[in-house]
């Protein structure tokens, strides 16, 4: 994935054109992906299967998170992100 893929416009379309929300969602998902790869947290394991974790190895977690957001595979509760900060 290059710096320009996925396109920022596609990412912002998924987060109500809120750059800070995009950053928060992407960073949280990247942490989950990183945790899955390291096998450190129960929450991460609950989100993905072992086969999916193996498939993701070798890729940068933030790149994977941005790709998932662009495809619409990551959901969020807008109110909880703004109320809790995550």
C-alpha atoms as a PDB file:
ATOM      1  CA  UNK A   1       0.000   0.000   0.000  1.00  0.00           C
ATOM      2  CA  UNK A   2       1.346   3.406  -0.904  1.00  0.00           C
ATOM      3  CA  UNK A   3       0.856   6.617   1.008  1.00  0.00           C
ATOM      4  CA  UNK A   4      -2.023   7.557  -1.301  1.00  0.00           C
ATOM      5  CA  UNK A   5      -3.932   4.270  -1.056  1.00  0.00           C
ATOM      6  CA  UNK A   6      -6.583   4.085   0.154  1.00  0.00           C
ATOM      7  CA  UNK A   7      -7.539   7.596  -0.871  1.00  0.00           C
ATOM      8  CA  UNK A   8      -8.140  10.002   1.994  1.00  0.00           C
ATOM      9  CA  UNK A   9     -11.518  10.934   0.513  1.00  0.00           C
ATOM     10  CA  UNK A  10     -12.692   7.317   0.738  1.00  0.00           C
ATOM     11  CA  UNK A  11     -11.538   7.146   4.340  1.00  0.00           C
ATOM     12  CA  UNK A  12     -13.189  10.428   5.296  1.00  0.00           C
ATOM     13  CA  UNK A  13     -16.441   9.295   3.672  1.00  0.00           C
ATOM     14  CA  UNK A  14     -16.485   6.450   6.207  1.00  0.00           C
ATOM     15  CA  UNK A  15     -15.963   8.784   9.189  1.00  0.00           C
ATOM     16  CA  UNK A  16     -18.360  11.652   8.513  1.00  0.00           C
ATOM     17  CA  UNK A  17     -15.472  13.772   7.131  1.00  0.00           C
ATOM     18  CA  UNK A  18     -13.952  13.933  10.606  1.00  0.00           C
ATOM     19  CA  UNK A  19     -10.159  13.615  10.389  1.00  0.00           C
ATOM     20  CA  UNK A  20      -9.781  13.200  14.134  1.00  0.00           C
ATOM     21  CA  UNK A  21     -12.390  10.449  14.208  1.00  0.00           C
ATOM     22  CA  UNK A  22     -10.580   8.702  11.336  1.00  0.00           C
ATOM     23  CA  UNK A  23      -7.316   8.920  13.267  1.00  0.00           C
ATOM     24  CA  UNK A  24      -8.933   7.566  16.439  1.00  0.00           C
ATOM     25  CA  UNK A  25     -10.656   4.671  14.698  1.00  0.00           C
ATOM     26  CA  UNK A  26      -7.580   3.766  12.667  1.00  0.00           C
ATOM     27  CA  UNK A  27      -5.280   3.870  15.686  1.00  0.00           C
ATOM     28  CA  UNK A  28      -7.640   1.771  17.807  1.00  0.00           C
ATOM     29  CA  UNK A  29      -8.044  -0.816  15.042  1.00  0.00           C
ATOM     30  CA  UNK A  30      -4.282  -0.838  14.393  1.00  0.00           C
ATOM     31  CA  UNK A  31      -3.715  -1.565  18.099  1.00  0.00           C
ATOM     32  CA  UNK A  32      -6.213  -4.434  17.903  1.00  0.00           C
ATOM     33  CA  UNK A  33      -4.438  -5.816  14.843  1.00  0.00           C
ATOM     34  CA  UNK A  34      -1.066  -5.455  16.538  1.00  0.00           C
ATOM     35  CA  UNK A  35      -2.396  -7.234  19.618  1.00  0.00           C
ATOM     36  CA  UNK A  36      -3.781 -10.028  17.468  1.00  0.00           C
ATOM     37  CA  UNK A  37      -0.416 -10.497  15.816  1.00  0.00           C
ATOM     38  CA  UNK A  38       1.307 -10.662  19.177  1.00  0.00           C
ATOM     39  CA  UNK A  39      -1.449 -12.701  20.786  1.00  0.00           C
ATOM     40  CA  UNK A  40      -1.444 -10.499  23.883  1.00  0.00           C
ATOM     41  CA  UNK A  41      -5.062  -9.549  24.446  1.00  0.00           C
ATOM     42  CA  UNK A  42      -8.300 -11.460  24.716  1.00  0.00           C
ATOM     43  CA  UNK A  43     -10.248  -8.642  23.054  1.00  0.00           C
ATOM     44  CA  UNK A  44      -8.180  -8.936  19.904  1.00  0.00           C
ATOM     45  CA  UNK A  45      -8.549 -12.705  19.740  1.00  0.00           C
ATOM     46  CA  UNK A  46     -12.309 -12.350  20.129  1.00  0.00           C
ATOM     47  CA  UNK A  47     -12.384 -10.084  17.061  1.00  0.00           C
ATOM     48  CA  UNK A  48     -10.435 -12.266  14.608  1.00  0.00           C
ATOM     49  CA  UNK A  49      -9.741 -15.943  13.985  1.00  0.00           C
ATOM     50  CA  UNK A  50      -6.256 -17.430  14.144  1.00  0.00           C
ATOM     51  CA  UNK A  51      -6.282 -17.939  10.344  1.00  0.00           C
ATOM     52  CA  UNK A  52      -6.982 -14.236   9.802  1.00  0.00           C
ATOM     53  CA  UNK A  53      -4.213 -13.296  12.222  1.00  0.00           C
ATOM     54  CA  UNK A  54      -1.686 -15.447  10.325  1.00  0.00           C
ATOM     55  CA  UNK A  55      -2.808 -13.909   7.010  1.00  0.00           C
ATOM     56  CA  UNK A  56      -2.122 -10.410   8.358  1.00  0.00           C
ATOM     57  CA  UNK A  57       1.419 -11.133   9.556  1.00  0.00           C
ATOM     58  CA  UNK A  58       4.059  -9.120   7.751  1.00  0.00           C
ATOM     59  CA  UNK A  59       1.794  -6.150   7.029  1.00  0.00           C
ATOM     60  CA  UNK A  60       1.805  -2.894   8.971  1.00  0.00           C
ATOM     61  CA  UNK A  61      -1.157  -2.696  11.361  1.00  0.00           C
ATOM     62  CA  UNK A  62      -2.029   0.901  10.473  1.00  0.00           C
ATOM     63  CA  UNK A  63      -2.073   0.104   6.751  1.00  0.00           C
ATOM     64  CA  UNK A  64      -4.370  -2.841   7.395  1.00  0.00           C
ATOM     65  CA  UNK A  65      -6.634  -0.676   9.554  1.00  0.00           C
ATOM     66  CA  UNK A  66      -6.913   2.018   6.864  1.00  0.00           C
ATOM     67  CA  UNK A  67      -7.727  -0.597   4.219  1.00  0.00           C
ATOM     68  CA  UNK A  68     -10.430  -2.090   6.437  1.00  0.00           C
ATOM     69  CA  UNK A  69     -11.937   1.347   7.055  1.00  0.00           C
ATOM     70  CA  UNK A  70     -11.973   2.118   3.330  1.00  0.00           C
ATOM     71  CA  UNK A  71     -13.779  -1.182   2.642  1.00  0.00           C
ATOM     72  CA  UNK A  72     -16.340  -0.417   5.353  1.00  0.00           C
ATOM     73  CA  UNK A  73     -15.296  -3.381   7.494  1.00  0.00           C
ATOM     74  CA  UNK A  74     -14.773  -1.331  10.661  1.00  0.00           C
ATOM     75  CA  UNK A  75     -17.761   0.018  12.530  1.00  0.00           C
ATOM     76  CA  UNK A  76     -17.927   2.464  15.413  1.00  0.00           C
ATOM     77  CA  UNK A  77     -20.382   4.202  17.682  1.00  0.00           C
ATOM     78  CA  UNK A  78     -20.023   7.904  16.878  1.00  0.00           C
ATOM     79  CA  UNK A  79     -21.380   9.047  20.250  1.00  0.00           C
ATOM     80  CA  UNK A  80     -19.089   6.819  22.297  1.00  0.00           C
ATOM     81  CA  UNK A  81     -16.012   8.014  20.382  1.00  0.00           C
ATOM     82  CA  UNK A  82     -16.876  11.615  21.150  1.00  0.00           C
ATOM     83  CA  UNK A  83     -18.005  10.974  24.719  1.00  0.00           C
ATOM     84  CA  UNK A  84     -15.198   8.633  25.804  1.00  0.00           C
ATOM     85  CA  UNK A  85     -12.461   9.728  23.449  1.00  0.00           C
ATOM     86  CA  UNK A  86     -12.402   6.116  22.132  1.00  0.00           C
END
